[in-house]
């Protein structure tokens, strides 16, 4: 009736998943067994892409609650993905290097270029208008080649949708910049693109929505330099990795333990008078601060915590073997979360990259507009690959924009939440590319948008599928099924079957679950089979609840008894005898009196604060 745990049939059972790529090319179907690890999936995808510098990349998926996750290399893939339906993974950049143009292999730089091109299109890589048009010009140069008046007529840039909202005026400026990039082969244009993108404050930001101490929504990004928060169209906080001592979370609260100097308080814009936001402050020269941000859900907070711990370990540790095992989120009646960084640190990756001896692999570049034809000039007929130490062309406007960037440059966001702020940027117009003073509202930042992935099925097939689904739902309403709870094994099999790309329209990683979110296939039983009665509620939960209540009540009674014995002034021979016992005197001196003094001092400080 039941399969033996760990049986051979369970281990050899196969599952299927689909992997989508950065250039929206044909997805990859992977068949894996129950016991393979997440690292096996990552290695399989990187081998398919002929990618050696794979530590910067990862596979991301979305669970049934629409919460994003990175595939953990150490945990079994089946345990992570068993409740994901359809089982679709997305190949994405996980760690954005500080100097991407210095990566060893050109194919690695190209995949990072694709990720940043995607970020720019969806509004995550927000920048001033001058930088945005320059980045767009590099993309056009990489895909089209040199400008040719015969091939590139008026309005040719409109075929490229590289910015969130581009107007004809912006496209004219992109075309002007494109003319000035003549002679740059694709690899050189892409390296210039990477260099400019890495200088932006929103470079590498995977946005998470949070709230400050006043309940104002803002967006938090974790990058190679530290943790930043953005509100409206400006950066409100920036905490460097050297200033962050500890990263923790409690429920929905994301907590940073900081060590800041007096000069950093104004720079980081920390309100030292806010008791809810600033929980602790000691010392004169260097002050310790505890800063908290509230996340929408506990799962979102835990995901943010894991991302921050991973990013800090990857970019700051000399070796991954020095990564400590961190624990957070636990309480008296709540199980915490443990995490230890796996993989290699950036220093180890860079050192290992120097030992890559293979020839530069050949690969085909994808286009954001599949109908374009690349123009090959005489200069571009030479080898398409440049050495790593070539001289990058200096851009006057870009350098000037870099010098003028400060903490008020535009922000990135995580979810499509509208924020309207009255604050504007001082002394300069570093705003979105659409209007001068509009807040940063990207096009479905977490839900990347249906335009991200091209539909792999014909429109007629999709229409017929929707019609069949509607007819099936009507039939179920008229004739409700007898049983709708198939066993878990069949459910997993269905998930693996529905994850196949054949005949299934392409969907984005966050919108994948809207159609089949939490719905199980209805299975009709034969007429002579009687459905099983509903399972009775297990008594384990009730027993645990009663035990917890009993423990809490017992603790409160004991605590009240101790306080009464220590503080009571009632003249009683029994109380006097108890107080004069050697064990009670030792307990009072070593534990009770220090704890009482500490509680009294906290109460006095709190009372003084509210009276002031």
Protein backbone atom coordinates (compact mmCIF):
# COMPACT_ATOMS: atom_id res chain seq x y z
CA UNK A 1 0.00 0.00 0.00
CA UNK A 2 2.77 2.41 0.88
CA UNK A 3 6.21 2.54 -0.66
CA UNK A 4 9.12 1.93 1.60
CA UNK A 5 11.01 5.14 2.38
CA UNK A 6 14.19 5.36 0.35
CA UNK A 7 13.29 2.45 -1.89
CA UNK A 8 15.05 1.95 -5.20
CA UNK A 9 11.93 2.83 -7.17
CA UNK A 10 11.71 6.20 -5.43
CA UNK A 11 15.36 7.06 -6.10
CA UNK A 12 15.14 6.12 -9.78
CA UNK A 13 11.93 8.03 -10.36
CA UNK A 14 12.48 10.75 -12.96
CA UNK A 15 11.13 14.29 -13.07
CA UNK A 16 11.18 16.97 -15.72
CA UNK A 17 11.81 20.69 -15.53
CA UNK A 18 12.12 23.47 -18.08
CA UNK A 19 14.86 26.08 -18.03
CA UNK A 20 14.41 29.46 -19.72
CA UNK A 21 17.34 31.62 -20.71
CA UNK A 22 18.23 35.30 -20.75
CA UNK A 23 17.85 35.72 -24.51
CA UNK A 24 14.43 34.01 -24.55
CA UNK A 25 15.81 31.30 -26.83
CA UNK A 26 14.38 27.81 -26.98
CA UNK A 27 13.93 26.48 -23.43
CA UNK A 28 15.87 23.46 -22.23
CA UNK A 29 14.05 20.40 -20.88
CA UNK A 30 15.95 18.54 -18.16
CA UNK A 31 15.11 15.10 -16.80
CA UNK A 32 16.52 14.45 -13.35
CA UNK A 33 16.18 11.82 -10.67
CA UNK A 34 14.93 12.25 -7.16
CA UNK A 35 18.31 12.23 -5.43
CA UNK A 36 20.19 14.83 -7.54
CA UNK A 37 21.24 18.08 -5.89
CA UNK A 38 20.58 21.63 -6.98
CA UNK A 39 24.23 21.91 -8.02
CA UNK A 40 23.66 19.13 -10.54
CA UNK A 41 20.96 21.21 -12.25
CA UNK A 42 23.18 24.31 -12.30
CA UNK A 43 26.12 22.35 -13.72
CA UNK A 44 23.89 20.76 -16.34
CA UNK A 45 22.62 24.16 -17.55
CA UNK A 46 26.11 25.73 -17.56
CA UNK A 47 27.45 22.76 -19.52
CA UNK A 48 24.68 23.25 -22.05
CA UNK A 49 25.68 26.92 -22.40
CA UNK A 50 29.42 26.09 -22.50
CA UNK A 51 29.91 28.36 -19.49
CA UNK A 52 32.91 27.88 -17.20
CA UNK A 53 32.66 30.97 -14.96
CA UNK A 54 29.37 29.74 -13.57
CA UNK A 55 29.63 31.05 -10.00
CA UNK A 56 27.98 34.34 -10.96
CA UNK A 57 24.80 32.65 -12.19
CA UNK A 58 21.93 30.70 -10.66
CA UNK A 59 18.53 29.18 -11.31
CA UNK A 60 15.48 30.97 -9.97
CA UNK A 61 11.93 29.73 -9.55
CA UNK A 62 8.66 30.90 -8.00
CA UNK A 63 6.62 28.84 -5.57
CA UNK A 64 2.83 28.59 -5.39
CA UNK A 65 2.72 31.70 -3.16
CA UNK A 66 4.54 33.67 -5.89
CA UNK A 67 7.63 33.98 -3.73
CA UNK A 68 10.92 33.91 -5.59
CA UNK A 69 13.68 31.47 -4.64
CA UNK A 70 17.15 30.58 -5.85
CA UNK A 71 17.89 26.88 -6.28
CA UNK A 72 20.08 25.87 -3.34
CA UNK A 73 23.13 23.96 -4.65
CA UNK A 74 23.41 21.78 -1.55
CA UNK A 75 19.80 20.67 -1.11
CA UNK A 76 18.15 17.96 -3.24
CA UNK A 77 16.42 19.44 -6.26
CA UNK A 78 13.30 17.34 -5.71
CA UNK A 79 12.73 18.68 -2.18
CA UNK A 80 13.01 22.26 -3.42
CA UNK A 81 10.83 21.89 -6.50
CA UNK A 82 8.27 19.23 -5.54
CA UNK A 83 5.50 21.80 -4.95
CA UNK A 84 6.31 23.99 -7.97
CA UNK A 85 3.87 23.62 -10.83
CA UNK A 86 4.56 23.99 -13.68
CA UNK A 87 8.20 23.27 -12.98
CA UNK A 88 9.97 26.12 -14.76
CA UNK A 89 13.38 27.53 -13.81
CA UNK A 90 14.94 30.73 -15.09
CA UNK A 91 18.67 31.11 -15.72
CA UNK A 92 19.67 34.48 -14.26
CA UNK A 93 22.69 36.40 -12.96
CA UNK A 94 22.86 35.95 -9.19
CA UNK A 95 26.04 37.86 -8.32
CA UNK A 96 26.81 41.01 -10.33
CA UNK A 97 30.61 41.56 -10.22
CA UNK A 98 31.90 45.04 -9.44
CA UNK A 99 33.98 45.13 -12.64
CA UNK A 100 32.06 43.03 -15.16
CA UNK A 101 34.12 44.18 -18.14
CA UNK A 102 37.14 42.39 -16.61
CA UNK A 103 35.63 38.92 -16.60
CA UNK A 104 37.93 36.36 -18.15
CA UNK A 105 35.82 34.93 -20.96
CA UNK A 106 33.78 36.82 -23.49
CA UNK A 107 30.87 34.41 -23.24
CA UNK A 108 30.57 35.22 -19.52
CA UNK A 109 30.54 38.94 -20.26
CA UNK A 110 27.91 38.36 -22.92
CA UNK A 111 25.51 36.59 -20.56
CA UNK A 112 25.94 39.42 -18.05
CA UNK A 113 25.26 41.86 -20.91
CA UNK A 114 22.02 40.01 -21.67
CA UNK A 115 20.94 40.24 -18.02
CA UNK A 116 21.65 43.97 -17.85
CA UNK A 117 19.91 44.53 -21.18
CA UNK A 118 16.92 42.82 -19.63
CA UNK A 119 17.21 44.95 -16.47
CA UNK A 120 17.35 48.13 -18.56
CA UNK A 121 14.30 47.16 -20.58
CA UNK A 122 12.19 46.39 -17.50
CA UNK A 123 13.26 49.47 -15.56
CA UNK A 124 15.37 47.79 -12.91
CA UNK A 125 18.56 49.42 -14.19
CA UNK A 126 17.34 52.99 -13.81
CA UNK A 127 19.65 55.82 -14.76
CA UNK A 128 19.66 59.48 -15.92
CA UNK A 129 18.47 60.15 -19.50
CA UNK A 130 22.01 60.66 -20.80
CA UNK A 131 23.24 57.34 -19.47
CA UNK A 132 20.09 55.54 -20.62
CA UNK A 133 20.47 56.70 -24.22
CA UNK A 134 24.18 55.83 -24.21
CA UNK A 135 23.44 52.29 -22.95
CA UNK A 136 20.78 51.93 -25.62
CA UNK A 137 23.27 53.08 -28.27
CA UNK A 138 25.75 50.40 -27.14
CA UNK A 139 22.99 47.78 -27.52
CA UNK A 140 22.17 48.98 -31.03
CA UNK A 141 25.87 48.97 -31.96
CA UNK A 142 26.26 45.43 -30.63
CA UNK A 143 23.27 44.15 -32.58
CA UNK A 144 23.40 46.21 -35.79
CA UNK A 145 27.05 47.06 -36.15
CA UNK A 146 28.22 50.33 -37.69
CA UNK A 147 25.70 52.89 -38.82
CA UNK A 148 25.02 52.78 -42.57
CA UNK A 149 22.70 55.42 -44.12
CA UNK A 150 21.65 52.95 -46.84
CA UNK A 151 20.54 50.24 -44.41
CA UNK A 152 19.46 52.38 -41.46
CA UNK A 153 16.78 54.77 -42.51
CA UNK A 154 14.86 57.24 -40.34
CA UNK A 155 13.31 55.66 -37.29
CA UNK A 156 15.36 52.46 -37.38
CA UNK A 157 15.95 52.65 -33.63
CA UNK A 158 12.21 52.25 -33.03
CA UNK A 159 12.67 48.54 -33.85
CA UNK A 160 14.60 48.20 -30.58
CA UNK A 161 12.59 48.29 -27.37
CA UNK A 162 15.46 48.63 -24.93
CA UNK A 163 14.11 51.31 -22.56
CA UNK A 164 10.97 51.12 -20.40
CA UNK A 165 9.33 54.02 -22.22
CA UNK A 166 11.14 55.43 -25.22
CA UNK A 167 9.83 58.33 -27.26
CA UNK A 168 10.76 59.39 -30.82
CA UNK A 169 12.92 62.14 -29.34
CA UNK A 170 14.87 59.62 -27.26
CA UNK A 171 15.22 57.35 -30.29
CA UNK A 172 16.70 60.23 -32.29
CA UNK A 173 19.27 60.78 -29.55
CA UNK A 174 20.09 57.04 -29.53
CA UNK A 175 20.61 57.14 -33.30
CA UNK A 176 22.98 60.13 -32.95
CA UNK A 177 25.05 58.28 -30.35
CA UNK A 178 25.02 55.14 -32.49
CA UNK A 179 26.65 57.05 -35.34
CA UNK A 180 29.52 57.98 -33.04
CA UNK A 181 30.26 54.37 -32.11
CA UNK A 182 31.46 53.38 -35.57
CA UNK A 183 34.25 50.83 -35.47
CA UNK A 184 33.29 49.07 -32.26
CA UNK A 185 32.82 45.34 -32.74
CA UNK A 186 30.07 43.67 -30.66
CA UNK A 187 32.41 42.52 -27.88
CA UNK A 188 33.82 46.04 -27.51
CA UNK A 189 30.37 47.67 -27.46
CA UNK A 190 29.19 45.16 -24.87
CA UNK A 191 32.23 45.78 -22.66
CA UNK A 192 31.62 49.51 -22.83
CA UNK A 193 28.00 48.83 -21.93
CA UNK A 194 29.09 46.76 -18.91
CA UNK A 195 31.50 49.44 -17.76
CA UNK A 196 28.86 52.17 -17.90
CA UNK A 197 26.17 49.99 -16.28
CA UNK A 198 28.49 49.04 -13.40
CA UNK A 199 28.94 52.73 -12.54
CA UNK A 200 25.22 53.19 -11.84
CA UNK A 201 23.71 53.01 -8.37
CA UNK A 202 21.04 50.58 -9.52
CA UNK A 203 23.55 48.15 -11.02
CA UNK A 204 22.95 44.62 -9.77
CA UNK A 205 19.88 45.53 -7.73
CA UNK A 206 17.39 42.70 -7.32
CA UNK A 207 14.67 44.81 -5.72
CA UNK A 208 12.68 43.81 -2.63
CA UNK A 209 9.76 45.84 -1.32
CA UNK A 210 10.02 46.94 2.33
CA UNK A 211 8.60 49.61 4.63
CA UNK A 212 10.44 52.06 6.83
CA UNK A 213 9.64 52.96 10.44
CA UNK A 214 6.83 55.26 9.31
CA UNK A 215 5.20 52.67 7.11
CA UNK A 216 6.32 54.29 3.86
CA UNK A 217 6.99 51.72 1.13
CA UNK A 218 10.45 51.69 -0.35
CA UNK A 219 12.65 49.26 -2.20
CA UNK A 220 15.78 47.51 -1.01
CA UNK A 221 18.56 46.23 -3.21
CA UNK A 222 21.53 44.04 -2.28
CA UNK A 223 24.59 44.57 -4.50
CA UNK A 224 28.31 43.93 -4.56
CA UNK A 225 28.93 47.16 -2.61
CA UNK A 226 26.32 46.79 0.13
CA UNK A 227 22.61 47.31 0.81
CA UNK A 228 20.68 50.30 -0.54
CA UNK A 229 17.12 51.53 -0.15
CA UNK A 230 15.27 53.62 -2.69
CA UNK A 231 12.17 55.74 -2.36
CA UNK A 232 10.57 57.50 -5.28
CA UNK A 233 13.40 58.49 -7.57
CA UNK A 234 16.28 58.72 -5.13
CA UNK A 235 18.41 56.56 -2.91
CA UNK A 236 17.57 57.05 0.77
CA UNK A 237 20.10 54.73 2.46
CA UNK A 238 23.33 53.03 1.51
CA UNK A 239 25.01 50.65 3.94
CA UNK A 240 28.44 49.40 2.89
CA UNK A 241 29.43 45.84 3.67
CA UNK A 242 32.20 47.13 5.95
CA UNK A 243 29.55 48.84 8.11
CA UNK A 244 27.27 45.81 8.46
CA UNK A 245 28.16 43.57 11.39
CA UNK A 246 25.19 41.22 11.34
CA UNK A 247 22.14 40.52 9.19
CA UNK A 248 19.09 38.98 10.84
CA UNK A 249 15.32 38.75 10.60
CA UNK A 250 12.47 38.26 13.04
CA UNK A 251 9.15 37.40 11.44
CA UNK A 252 8.55 40.12 8.85
CA UNK A 253 11.27 42.42 10.20
CA UNK A 254 14.59 42.57 8.34
CA UNK A 255 17.29 43.77 10.75
CA UNK A 256 20.76 45.22 10.09
CA UNK A 257 23.32 45.60 12.87
CA UNK A 258 25.57 48.50 11.87
CA UNK A 259 28.70 50.19 13.15
CA UNK A 260 28.79 53.80 11.97
CA UNK A 261 30.86 56.85 12.71
CA UNK A 262 29.49 60.30 13.45
CA UNK A 263 30.09 61.35 9.85
CA UNK A 264 28.12 58.40 8.52
CA UNK A 265 24.90 59.26 10.35
CA UNK A 266 24.04 62.16 8.07
CA UNK A 267 25.28 60.36 4.97
CA UNK A 268 23.16 57.29 5.68
CA UNK A 269 20.21 59.49 6.73
CA UNK A 270 19.54 57.56 9.95
CA UNK A 271 17.13 59.19 12.37
CA UNK A 272 18.82 58.87 15.75
CA UNK A 273 15.67 60.02 17.57
CA UNK A 274 13.47 57.25 16.23
CA UNK A 275 13.15 54.57 18.89
CA UNK A 276 11.35 52.16 16.57
CA UNK A 277 13.85 52.54 13.79
CA UNK A 278 17.03 52.93 15.86
CA UNK A 279 16.96 50.30 18.56
CA UNK A 280 20.40 50.76 20.08
CA UNK A 281 23.17 53.31 20.15
CA UNK A 282 26.31 53.14 22.28
CA UNK A 283 29.77 54.69 22.22
CA UNK A 284 31.10 58.06 21.16
CA UNK A 285 33.32 57.74 18.08
CA UNK A 286 31.76 54.63 16.53
CA UNK A 287 28.11 53.98 17.22
CA UNK A 288 26.27 50.70 16.95
CA UNK A 289 22.87 50.90 15.36
CA UNK A 290 20.14 48.35 14.77
CA UNK A 291 18.05 49.29 11.76
CA UNK A 292 14.83 47.49 10.83
CA UNK A 293 12.70 47.29 7.68
CA UNK A 294 9.37 45.50 7.44
CA UNK A 295 8.72 43.07 4.59
CA UNK A 296 5.30 42.11 3.20
CA UNK A 297 5.48 38.49 4.40
CA UNK A 298 7.71 36.29 6.52
CA UNK A 299 8.70 34.31 3.42
CA UNK A 300 9.74 37.50 1.64
CA UNK A 301 11.77 38.56 4.67
CA UNK A 302 13.52 35.21 4.85
CA UNK A 303 14.32 35.38 1.13
CA UNK A 304 15.77 38.88 1.55
CA UNK A 305 17.83 37.68 4.52
CA UNK A 306 19.26 34.75 2.56
CA UNK A 307 20.08 36.97 -0.41
CA UNK A 308 21.84 39.53 1.80
CA UNK A 309 23.86 36.88 3.66
CA UNK A 310 24.88 35.23 0.38
CA UNK A 311 25.88 38.50 -1.28
CA UNK A 312 27.91 39.62 1.73
CA UNK A 313 29.73 36.28 1.93
CA UNK A 314 30.44 36.12 -1.81
CA UNK A 315 31.88 39.63 -2.11
CA UNK A 316 33.67 40.01 1.23
CA UNK A 317 35.07 36.62 2.30
CA UNK A 318 38.58 35.64 1.25
CA UNK A 319 37.47 32.00 1.13
CA UNK A 320 34.12 30.26 1.30
CA UNK A 321 35.52 27.92 3.95
CA UNK A 322 35.51 30.89 6.35
CA UNK A 323 31.76 31.38 5.95
CA UNK A 324 30.07 30.98 9.34
CA UNK A 325 26.81 29.17 9.82
CA UNK A 326 24.23 31.85 10.55
CA UNK A 327 20.99 31.39 12.45
CA UNK A 328 18.10 33.81 12.62
CA UNK A 329 14.34 34.11 12.80
CA UNK A 330 13.88 31.86 15.82
CA UNK A 331 11.88 32.48 18.95
CA UNK A 332 10.57 30.77 22.05
CA UNK A 333 7.86 28.93 20.13
CA UNK A 334 9.12 29.44 16.59
CA UNK A 335 11.73 27.49 14.70
CA UNK A 336 14.52 29.63 13.26
CA UNK A 337 16.32 29.41 9.94
CA UNK A 338 19.86 28.18 9.45
CA UNK A 339 21.97 29.08 6.47
CA UNK A 340 25.56 28.61 5.41
CA UNK A 341 27.04 30.04 2.25
CA UNK A 342 27.93 27.37 -0.28
CA UNK A 343 30.07 27.75 -3.34
CA UNK A 344 33.10 29.97 -3.74
CA UNK A 345 33.80 33.58 -2.88
CA UNK A 346 34.56 36.17 -5.55
CA UNK A 347 38.27 36.12 -4.71
CA UNK A 348 38.39 32.38 -5.24
CA UNK A 349 36.49 32.69 -8.52
CA UNK A 350 38.83 35.39 -9.85
CA UNK A 351 41.89 33.39 -8.84
CA UNK A 352 40.53 30.28 -10.52
CA UNK A 353 39.61 32.24 -13.67
CA UNK A 354 43.28 32.97 -14.25
CA UNK A 355 43.84 29.25 -14.74
CA UNK A 356 41.33 28.95 -17.61
CA UNK A 357 43.42 27.81 -20.57
CA UNK A 358 40.81 26.85 -23.14
CA UNK A 359 40.27 28.76 -26.36
CA UNK A 360 37.54 31.33 -26.34
CA UNK A 361 34.32 29.44 -27.13
CA UNK A 362 32.25 30.47 -30.11
CA UNK A 363 28.61 31.42 -29.59
CA UNK A 364 25.78 33.08 -31.44
CA UNK A 365 24.53 36.46 -30.30
CA UNK A 366 20.80 36.93 -29.98
CA UNK A 367 18.93 40.03 -30.99
CA UNK A 368 16.27 41.96 -29.14
CA UNK A 369 14.66 42.41 -32.57
CA UNK A 370 14.76 39.16 -34.57
CA UNK A 371 14.08 40.84 -37.94
CA UNK A 372 17.18 43.02 -37.99
CA UNK A 373 20.20 42.28 -40.12
CA UNK A 374 23.67 43.07 -38.81
CA UNK A 375 25.72 45.42 -40.95
CA UNK A 376 29.30 44.18 -41.32
CA UNK A 377 31.74 46.91 -42.23
CA UNK A 378 35.26 46.18 -43.39
CA UNK A 379 36.59 46.77 -39.92
CA UNK A 380 34.02 44.45 -38.42
CA UNK A 381 35.01 41.61 -40.74
CA UNK A 382 38.03 41.07 -38.53
CA UNK A 383 37.85 38.73 -35.55
CA UNK A 384 34.82 39.46 -33.41
CA UNK A 385 36.65 38.90 -30.14
CA UNK A 386 38.95 41.43 -28.49
CA UNK A 387 41.52 40.70 -25.77
CA UNK A 388 40.56 41.50 -22.23
CA UNK A 389 43.00 44.40 -21.91
CA UNK A 390 41.79 46.48 -24.85
CA UNK A 391 41.34 50.22 -24.34
CA UNK A 392 37.79 51.29 -23.74
CA UNK A 393 36.63 54.48 -25.37
CA UNK A 394 36.08 57.29 -22.93
CA UNK A 395 32.71 58.97 -22.96
CA UNK A 396 32.71 62.60 -21.91
CA UNK A 397 29.05 62.77 -21.10
CA UNK A 398 29.21 59.50 -19.22
CA UNK A 399 32.17 60.58 -17.11
CA UNK A 400 30.48 63.85 -16.33
CA UNK A 401 27.34 62.04 -15.28
CA UNK A 402 29.37 59.70 -13.09
CA UNK A 403 30.96 62.63 -11.26
CA UNK A 404 27.59 64.23 -10.62
CA UNK A 405 25.97 61.09 -9.22
CA UNK A 406 25.16 61.22 -5.52
CA UNK A 407 22.79 59.62 -3.07
CA UNK A 408 19.81 61.19 -4.79
CA UNK A 409 20.04 59.32 -8.06
CA UNK A 410 17.12 57.22 -9.21
CA UNK A 411 15.97 54.12 -7.45
CA UNK A 412 15.02 50.63 -8.34
CA UNK A 413 11.97 48.84 -7.10
CA UNK A 414 10.86 45.31 -6.56
CA UNK A 415 7.17 45.01 -7.12
CA UNK A 416 4.67 47.00 -9.09
CA UNK A 417 3.61 49.23 -6.21
CA UNK A 418 2.86 52.88 -6.88
CA UNK A 419 4.73 55.35 -4.71
CA UNK A 420 4.23 59.08 -4.97
CA UNK A 421 6.63 61.37 -3.18
CA UNK A 422 6.78 65.15 -3.06
CA UNK A 423 10.56 65.15 -2.74
CA UNK A 424 12.57 65.89 -5.87
CA UNK A 425 16.26 65.76 -6.65
CA UNK A 426 18.37 68.73 -5.55
CA UNK A 427 20.38 70.78 -8.04
CA UNK A 428 20.14 68.25 -10.84
CA UNK A 429 17.66 66.24 -12.85
CA UNK A 430 18.67 62.63 -12.34
CA UNK A 431 15.28 61.15 -13.03
CA UNK A 432 13.61 58.50 -15.08
CA UNK A 433 13.86 58.55 -18.81
CA UNK A 434 10.15 59.22 -19.21
CA UNK A 435 9.62 62.48 -17.35
CA UNK A 436 11.79 64.75 -15.32
CA UNK A 437 10.27 64.34 -11.89
CA UNK A 438 8.41 61.03 -12.02
CA UNK A 439 9.17 58.38 -9.39
CA UNK A 440 10.74 55.12 -10.39
CA UNK A 441 7.95 52.73 -11.38
CA UNK A 442 9.39 49.88 -13.44
CA UNK A 443 7.34 47.69 -15.68
CA UNK A 444 6.53 44.73 -13.41
CA UNK A 445 9.91 44.40 -11.78
CA UNK A 446 9.27 41.17 -9.96
CA UNK A 447 6.65 40.02 -12.41
CA UNK A 448 8.89 40.57 -15.37
CA UNK A 449 6.04 40.92 -17.81
CA UNK A 450 4.57 38.78 -20.51
CA UNK A 451 6.76 40.44 -23.08
CA UNK A 452 9.82 38.93 -21.49
CA UNK A 453 9.35 35.51 -22.98
CA UNK A 454 8.16 34.86 -26.48
CA UNK A 455 5.18 32.56 -26.79
CA UNK A 456 6.31 29.18 -28.06
CA UNK A 457 2.86 28.08 -29.15
CA UNK A 458 0.68 29.37 -31.90
CA UNK A 459 -2.12 31.83 -31.02
CA UNK A 460 -4.74 29.41 -32.29
CA UNK A 461 -3.47 26.67 -29.98
CA UNK A 462 -3.59 29.03 -27.03
CA UNK A 463 -7.15 30.06 -27.87
CA UNK A 464 -8.25 26.45 -28.20
CA UNK A 465 -6.62 25.62 -24.87
CA UNK A 466 -8.50 28.44 -23.15
CA UNK A 467 -11.79 27.30 -24.69
CA UNK A 468 -11.22 23.72 -23.52
CA UNK A 469 -10.36 24.94 -20.02
CA UNK A 470 -13.56 27.01 -19.89
CA UNK A 471 -15.68 24.07 -21.06
CA UNK A 472 -14.05 21.80 -18.48
CA UNK A 473 -14.78 24.28 -15.67
CA UNK A 474 -18.44 24.54 -16.74
CA UNK A 475 -18.71 20.75 -16.81
CA UNK A 476 -17.23 20.51 -13.31
CA UNK A 477 -19.75 23.05 -12.02
CA UNK A 478 -22.64 21.05 -13.44
CA UNK A 479 -21.34 17.64 -12.36
CA UNK A 480 -19.03 17.96 -9.35
CA UNK A 481 -16.51 15.11 -9.12
CA UNK A 482 -16.71 12.48 -6.45
CA UNK A 483 -13.08 12.76 -5.32
CA UNK A 484 -10.59 15.55 -5.89
CA UNK A 485 -7.63 14.57 -3.74
CA UNK A 486 -5.22 12.34 -5.66
CA UNK A 487 -2.21 11.04 -3.79
CA UNK A 488 1.01 13.02 -3.52
CA UNK A 489 2.96 10.81 -5.90
CA UNK A 490 0.51 11.35 -8.75
CA UNK A 491 0.52 15.06 -8.01
CA UNK A 492 4.29 15.21 -8.43
CA UNK A 493 4.05 13.22 -11.64
CA UNK A 494 1.51 15.68 -13.02
CA UNK A 495 3.73 18.59 -12.10
CA UNK A 496 6.63 17.05 -13.98
CA UNK A 497 4.41 16.34 -16.98
CA UNK A 498 2.96 19.85 -17.14
CA UNK A 499 6.43 21.36 -16.95
CA UNK A 500 7.24 20.20 -20.48
CA UNK A 501 7.45 23.01 -23.01
CA UNK A 502 5.89 21.06 -25.88
CA UNK A 503 2.53 22.56 -26.72
CA UNK A 504 2.63 24.88 -23.73
CA UNK A 505 2.70 28.67 -24.10
CA UNK A 506 5.72 30.40 -22.62
CA UNK A 507 5.11 32.33 -19.45
CA UNK A 508 7.27 34.47 -17.21
CA UNK A 509 8.79 33.13 -14.04
CA UNK A 510 6.43 35.01 -11.73
CA UNK A 511 3.20 34.63 -13.71
CA UNK A 512 3.62 30.92 -14.27
CA UNK A 513 1.47 29.90 -11.34
CA UNK A 514 -1.62 31.99 -11.93
CA UNK A 515 -3.37 29.36 -14.05
CA UNK A 516 -2.79 26.29 -11.88
CA UNK A 517 -2.24 27.91 -8.50
CA UNK A 518 -3.26 25.35 -5.92
CA UNK A 519 -5.64 23.41 -8.21
CA UNK A 520 -5.52 19.62 -8.25
CA UNK A 521 -6.77 17.56 -11.15
CA UNK A 522 -10.23 16.20 -10.49
CA UNK A 523 -10.31 12.41 -10.71
CA UNK A 524 -13.63 10.59 -11.06
CA UNK A 525 -13.94 7.24 -9.31
CA UNK A 526 -15.76 4.24 -10.77
CA UNK A 527 -19.39 3.86 -9.79
CA UNK A 528 -18.76 0.84 -7.55
CA UNK A 529 -16.06 2.59 -5.54
CA UNK A 530 -17.09 4.44 -2.42
CA UNK A 531 -15.07 7.61 -1.75
CA UNK A 532 -13.00 7.60 1.39
CA UNK A 533 -14.43 9.54 4.31
CA UNK A 534 -12.72 12.80 5.22
CA UNK A 535 -9.71 12.27 7.43
CA UNK A 536 -10.19 13.09 11.06
CA UNK A 537 -8.22 15.96 12.44
CA UNK A 538 -4.98 14.76 13.94
CA UNK A 539 -4.62 15.16 17.68
CA UNK A 540 -0.94 16.08 17.44
CA UNK A 541 -1.62 19.77 16.88
CA UNK A 542 -4.14 19.89 19.71
CA UNK A 543 -1.75 18.12 22.07
CA UNK A 544 1.08 20.51 21.19
CA UNK A 545 -1.21 23.48 21.74
CA UNK A 546 -2.25 22.26 25.19
CA UNK A 547 1.35 21.51 26.16
CA UNK A 548 2.41 24.99 25.06
CA UNK A 549 -0.36 26.65 27.04
CA UNK A 550 0.47 24.55 30.10
CA UNK A 551 4.16 25.42 29.83
CA UNK A 552 3.44 29.14 29.54
CA UNK A 553 1.04 29.13 32.49
CA UNK A 554 3.51 27.16 34.63
CA UNK A 555 6.30 29.57 33.76
CA UNK A 556 4.15 32.59 34.63
CA UNK A 557 3.13 31.07 37.97
CA UNK A 558 6.74 30.27 38.87
CA UNK A 559 7.85 33.75 37.85
CA UNK A 560 5.12 35.35 39.96
CA UNK A 561 6.08 33.14 42.92
CA UNK A 562 9.76 34.14 42.66
CA UNK A 563 8.93 37.84 42.47
CA UNK A 564 6.56 37.53 45.42
CA UNK A 565 9.15 35.76 47.55
CA UNK A 566 11.90 38.27 46.72
CA UNK A 567 9.83 41.43 47.01
CA UNK A 568 7.16 40.60 49.62
CA UNK A 569 7.42 42.55 52.87
CA UNK A 570 4.95 40.32 54.71
CA UNK A 571 6.21 39.17 58.10
CA UNK A 572 6.06 35.42 57.95
CA UNK A 573 8.30 32.79 59.43
CA UNK A 574 8.01 30.67 56.29
CA UNK A 575 9.03 33.52 53.94
CA UNK A 576 11.84 34.56 56.27
CA UNK A 577 13.16 31.02 56.40
CA UNK A 578 13.04 30.75 52.60
CA UNK A 579 14.80 34.09 52.08
CA UNK A 580 17.59 33.20 54.50
CA UNK A 581 18.45 29.94 52.77
CA UNK A 582 21.92 29.93 51.19
CA UNK A 583 20.64 28.92 47.74
CA UNK A 584 18.08 31.76 47.69
CA UNK A 585 20.69 34.32 48.76
CA UNK A 586 23.07 33.19 46.00
CA UNK A 587 20.22 33.35 43.45
CA UNK A 588 19.34 36.90 44.55
CA UNK A 589 22.93 38.17 44.37
CA UNK A 590 23.94 36.51 41.11
CA UNK A 591 20.75 36.66 39.07
CA UNK A 592 17.75 38.41 40.56
CA UNK A 593 19.26 41.72 41.67
CA UNK A 594 21.21 42.33 38.38
CA UNK A 595 18.13 41.48 36.31
CA UNK A 596 15.93 43.72 38.45
CA UNK A 597 18.39 46.62 38.13
CA UNK A 598 18.53 46.18 34.36
CA UNK A 599 14.73 46.19 33.99
CA UNK A 600 14.42 49.27 36.22
CA UNK A 601 17.06 51.15 34.20
CA UNK A 602 15.29 50.32 30.94
CA UNK A 603 12.00 51.52 32.38
CA UNK A 604 13.58 54.78 33.54
CA UNK A 605 15.19 55.39 30.17
CA UNK A 606 11.93 54.75 28.37
CA UNK A 607 10.02 57.02 30.72
CA UNK A 608 12.60 59.78 30.31
CA UNK A 609 12.46 59.44 26.52
CA UNK A 610 8.68 59.79 26.33
CA UNK A 611 8.66 62.69 28.81
CA UNK A 612 11.22 64.56 26.69
